[in-house]
C-alpha atoms as a PDB file:
ATOM      1  CA  MET A   1       3.379 -14.968  -4.847  1.00  0.00           C
ATOM      2  CA  ASP A   2       4.225 -14.004  -8.166  1.00  0.00           C
ATOM      3  CA  ARG A   3       7.041 -11.325  -7.522  1.00  0.00           C
ATOM      4  CA  LYS A   4       8.025 -10.394 -11.098  1.00  0.00           C
ATOM      5  CA  VAL A   5       7.183  -7.255 -12.017  1.00  0.00           C
ATOM      6  CA  PRO A   6       3.512  -7.248 -14.043  1.00  0.00           C
ATOM      7  CA  SER A   7       3.207  -5.812 -17.477  1.00  0.00           C
ATOM      8  CA  ALA A   8       2.058  -2.419 -18.448  1.00  0.00           C
ATOM      9  CA  THR A   9       0.740  -0.624 -21.314  1.00  0.00           C
ATOM     10  CA  SER A  10       2.922   2.412 -20.880  1.00  0.00           C
ATOM     11  CA  GLU A  11       5.926   3.791 -20.354  1.00  0.00           C
ATOM     12  CA  GLU A  12       4.938   5.422 -17.150  1.00  0.00           C
ATOM     13  CA  ILE A  13       2.925   2.607 -15.834  1.00  0.00           C
ATOM     14  CA  GLN A  14       5.685   0.434 -15.981  1.00  0.00           C
ATOM     15  CA  LEU A  15       8.527   2.556 -14.328  1.00  0.00           C
ATOM     16  CA  TYR A  16       5.667   3.180 -11.202  1.00  0.00           C
ATOM     17  CA  ARG A  17       5.259  -0.410 -11.407  1.00  0.00           C
ATOM     18  CA  SER A  18       8.962  -1.313 -11.321  1.00  0.00           C
ATOM     19  CA  THR A  19      10.108   1.158  -8.408  1.00  0.00           C
ATOM     20  CA  ILE A  20       7.194  -0.295  -6.706  1.00  0.00           C
ATOM     21  CA  TYR A  21       7.945  -3.820  -7.224  1.00  0.00           C
ATOM     22  CA  SER A  22      11.673  -3.034  -6.610  1.00  0.00           C
ATOM     23  CA  LEU A  23      11.674  -1.555  -3.763  1.00  0.00           C
ATOM     24  CA  LEU A  24       8.954  -4.091  -2.089  1.00  0.00           C
ATOM     25  CA  ARG A  25      11.605  -6.698  -2.787  1.00  0.00           C
ATOM     26  CA  SER A  26      13.029  -5.693   0.026  1.00  0.00           C
ATOM     27  CA  SER A  27      12.974  -5.615   3.868  1.00  0.00           C
ATOM     28  CA  ALA A  28      13.815  -2.081   4.239  1.00  0.00           C
ATOM     29  CA  GLU A  29      11.429   0.635   5.570  1.00  0.00           C
ATOM     30  CA  VAL A  30      10.174   2.630   2.308  1.00  0.00           C
ATOM     31  CA  LYS A  31       9.264   6.316   2.927  1.00  0.00           C
ATOM     32  CA  ILE A  32       6.196   6.787   0.692  1.00  0.00           C
ATOM     33  CA  ARG A  33       8.252   9.951  -0.813  1.00  0.00           C
ATOM     34  CA  THR A  34       9.883   7.714  -2.682  1.00  0.00           C
ATOM     35  CA  ILE A  35       7.261   7.069  -5.022  1.00  0.00           C
ATOM     36  CA  GLU A  36       5.360  10.650  -4.737  1.00  0.00           C
ATOM     37  CA  GLU A  37       6.837  11.761  -8.229  1.00  0.00           C
ATOM     38  CA  VAL A  38       6.263   8.317  -9.824  1.00  0.00           C
ATOM     39  CA  HIS A  39       2.924   7.688  -9.080  1.00  0.00           C
ATOM     40  CA  ALA A  40       2.009  11.461 -10.013  1.00  0.00           C
ATOM     41  CA  GLY A  41       4.328  11.047 -13.561  1.00  0.00           C
ATOM     42  CA  MET A  42       2.040   7.659 -14.626  1.00  0.00           C
ATOM     43  CA  ASN A  43      -0.940  10.097 -15.159  1.00  0.00           C
ATOM     44  CA  SER A  44      -3.737   7.955 -13.378  1.00  0.00           C
ATOM     45  CA  LEU A  45      -7.397   7.640 -14.218  1.00  0.00           C
ATOM     46  CA  MET A  46      -7.799   7.341 -10.591  1.00  0.00           C
ATOM     47  CA  HIS A  47      -6.040  10.204  -9.751  1.00  0.00           C
ATOM     48  CA  PRO A  48      -5.854  13.113 -12.376  1.00  0.00           C
ATOM     49  CA  GLY A  49      -5.329  15.837  -9.702  1.00  0.00           C
ATOM     50  CA  ALA A  50      -1.751  14.073  -8.453  1.00  0.00           C
ATOM     51  CA  ARG A  51       0.562  17.189  -9.653  1.00  0.00           C
ATOM     52  CA  SER A  52      -2.284  19.497  -8.536  1.00  0.00           C
ATOM     53  CA  PRO A  53      -1.938  21.781  -5.304  1.00  0.00           C
ATOM     54  CA  GLU A  54      -5.443  21.612  -4.724  1.00  0.00           C
ATOM     55  CA  PRO A  55      -6.630  17.976  -2.697  1.00  0.00           C
ATOM     56  CA  ASP A  56      -7.970  15.633  -5.658  1.00  0.00           C
ATOM     57  CA  ILE A  57     -11.218  15.069  -3.671  1.00  0.00           C
ATOM     58  CA  ALA A  58     -11.994  11.564  -5.847  1.00  0.00           C
ATOM     59  CA  ALA A  59      -8.777  10.302  -5.251  1.00  0.00           C
ATOM     60  CA  PHE A  60      -9.297  10.914  -1.641  1.00  0.00           C
ATOM     61  CA  ILE A  61     -12.124   9.313  -1.238  1.00  0.00           C
ATOM     62  CA  TYR A  62     -11.207   6.513  -3.316  1.00  0.00           C
ATOM     63  CA  ALA A  63      -8.176   5.969  -1.168  1.00  0.00           C
ATOM     64  CA  THR A  64     -10.727   6.246   2.119  1.00  0.00           C
ATOM     65  CA  MET A  65     -12.547   3.432   1.053  1.00  0.00           C
ATOM     66  CA  ARG A  66      -9.847   1.402   0.463  1.00  0.00           C
ATOM     67  CA  LEU A  67      -8.098   1.741   4.051  1.00  0.00           C
ATOM     68  CA  PRO A  68      -9.167   0.946   7.657  1.00  0.00           C
ATOM     69  CA  GLY A  69      -9.968   4.141   9.701  1.00  0.00           C
ATOM     70  CA  CYS A  70      -7.376   3.916  11.377  1.00  0.00           C
ATOM     71  CA  ILE A  71      -5.035   4.859   8.799  1.00  0.00           C
ATOM     72  CA  SER A  72      -4.637   8.474  10.133  1.00  0.00           C
ATOM     73  CA  ASP A  73      -2.695   7.520  13.172  1.00  0.00           C
ATOM     74  CA  VAL A  74      -0.296   4.956  10.939  1.00  0.00           C
ATOM     75  CA  ARG A  75       2.977   5.871  10.464  1.00  0.00           C
ATOM     76  CA  THR A  76       4.623   2.427   9.802  1.00  0.00           C
ATOM     77  CA  LEU A  77       2.462   0.405   6.897  1.00  0.00           C
ATOM     78  CA  ILE A  78       3.628  -3.440   7.070  1.00  0.00           C
ATOM     79  CA  LEU A  79       2.815  -6.091   4.466  1.00  0.00           C
ATOM     80  CA  GLY A  80       3.195  -9.820   4.562  1.00  0.00           C
ATOM     81  CA  GLN A  81       2.101 -12.481   2.746  1.00  0.00           C
ATOM     82  CA  ASN A  82       1.425 -14.792   5.901  1.00  0.00           C
ATOM     83  CA  ALA A  83       2.243 -15.028   9.403  1.00  0.00           C
ATOM     84  CA  GLU A  84       5.157 -16.813   9.104  1.00  0.00           C
ATOM     85  CA  VAL A  85       6.531 -13.536   6.567  1.00  0.00           C
ATOM     86  CA  PHE A  86       5.929 -11.524   9.810  1.00  0.00           C
ATOM     87  CA  LYS A  87       7.281 -13.502  12.468  1.00  0.00           C
ATOM     88  CA  ARG A  88      10.845 -13.817  10.336  1.00  0.00           C
ATOM     89  CA  ASN A  89      10.619 -10.262  10.098  1.00  0.00           C
ATOM     90  CA  GLY A  90      10.384  -9.313  14.245  1.00  0.00           C
ATOM     91  CA  PHE A  91       6.228  -9.188  14.066  1.00  0.00           C
ATOM     92  CA  THR A  92       5.113 -12.065  15.947  1.00  0.00           C
ATOM     93  CA  ASP A  93       2.134 -11.299  17.926  1.00  0.00           C
ATOM     94  CA  ILE A  94       0.318  -9.250  14.712  1.00  0.00           C
ATOM     95  CA  GLU A  95      -2.309 -11.527  14.633  1.00  0.00           C
ATOM     96  CA  ASN A  96      -3.262 -10.433  18.462  1.00  0.00           C
ATOM     97  CA  TRP A  97      -3.039  -6.554  17.265  1.00  0.00           C
ATOM     98  CA  GLN A  98      -6.975  -4.869  16.892  1.00  0.00           C
ATOM     99  CA  PRO A  99      -8.176  -6.378  13.377  1.00  0.00           C
ATOM    100  CA  VAL A 100      -8.885  -3.395  11.518  1.00  0.00           C
ATOM    101  CA  ALA A 101     -11.237  -3.519   7.752  1.00  0.00           C
ATOM    102  CA  ALA A 102     -12.096  -1.274   4.938  1.00  0.00           C
ATOM    103  CA  ARG A 103     -15.603  -0.520   3.504  1.00  0.00           C
ATOM    104  CA  ALA A 104     -14.741  -1.661  -0.198  1.00  0.00           C
ATOM    105  CA  ARG A 105     -12.186  -4.899   0.620  1.00  0.00           C
ATOM    106  CA  ARG A 106     -11.731  -7.483   2.650  1.00  0.00           C
ATOM    107  CA  ARG A 107      -7.998  -7.891   3.211  1.00  0.00           C
ATOM    108  CA  ARG A 108      -6.690  -8.636   6.770  1.00  0.00           C
ATOM    109  CA  CYS A 109      -5.207  -6.469   8.041  1.00  0.00           C
ATOM    110  CA  PHE A 110      -4.316  -5.372  12.003  1.00  0.00           C
ATOM    111  CA  PHE A 111      -3.717  -2.294  13.988  1.00  0.00           C
ATOM    112  CA  SER A 112      -1.010  -1.804  16.606  1.00  0.00           C
ATOM    113  CA  GLY A 113      -3.074   0.852  18.764  1.00  0.00           C
ATOM    114  CA  ALA A 114      -0.084   2.908  17.982  1.00  0.00           C
ATOM    115  CA  ASP A 115       0.958   4.136  14.884  1.00  0.00           C
ATOM    116  CA  GLN A 116       1.485   0.228  13.227  1.00  0.00           C
ATOM    117  CA  LEU A 117      -0.593  -1.220  10.386  1.00  0.00           C
ATOM    118  CA  GLY A 118      -0.458  -4.656   9.575  1.00  0.00           C
ATOM    119  CA  CYS A 119      -1.741  -6.374   5.974  1.00  0.00           C
ATOM    120  CA  PHE A 120      -2.060  -9.599   4.777  1.00  0.00           C
ATOM    121  CA  ILE A 121      -0.851  -9.525   1.055  1.00  0.00           C
ATOM    122  CA  ALA A 122      -2.736 -11.901  -1.318  1.00  0.00           C
ATOM    123  CA  SER A 123      -2.376 -10.527  -4.954  1.00  0.00           C
ATOM    124  CA  ARG A 124      -1.082  -8.180  -6.777  1.00  0.00           C
ATOM    125  CA  SER A 125      -4.366  -6.190  -6.371  1.00  0.00           C
ATOM    126  CA  ASP A 126      -3.691  -6.131  -2.617  1.00  0.00           C
ATOM    127  CA  ILE A 127      -0.393  -4.336  -3.353  1.00  0.00           C
ATOM    128  CA  GLU A 128      -1.193  -1.619  -5.780  1.00  0.00           C
ATOM    129  CA  ASP A 129      -4.561  -1.012  -3.561  1.00  0.00           C
ATOM    130  CA  VAL A 130      -2.418  -0.151  -0.561  1.00  0.00           C
ATOM    131  CA  ILE A 131       0.571   1.390  -1.561  1.00  0.00           C
ATOM    132  CA  PRO A 132      -0.978   4.447  -3.920  1.00  0.00           C
ATOM    133  CA  PRO A 133      -2.824   6.137  -1.677  1.00  0.00           C
END
């Protein structure tokens, strides 16, 4: 997979993508709070209420359609391109975890049964679909 930061049409989107791709280049754990401000700052049409104290129902529904039902139990999201990537990072049996799916995506994901979700990422759109919600 190409690891270069995709081009963007605005400085805010460029900053958002640069931040995400920079964080994903490491194998270290990344807290979602790290990208909250830059997400809100890009003023996404998909999440117009990002800065509002009120829940953004449209964004919530969009996200829930793209994430498996177990997401409320997930504390750690593990992304990898193939089984070998997971194995190299200590997740030797990820494909033996419970297969889970989202309503609006056909991404291979496996739930540990406790608090970990492993997703196979095949494209930039997979990354951008999983990270923002």
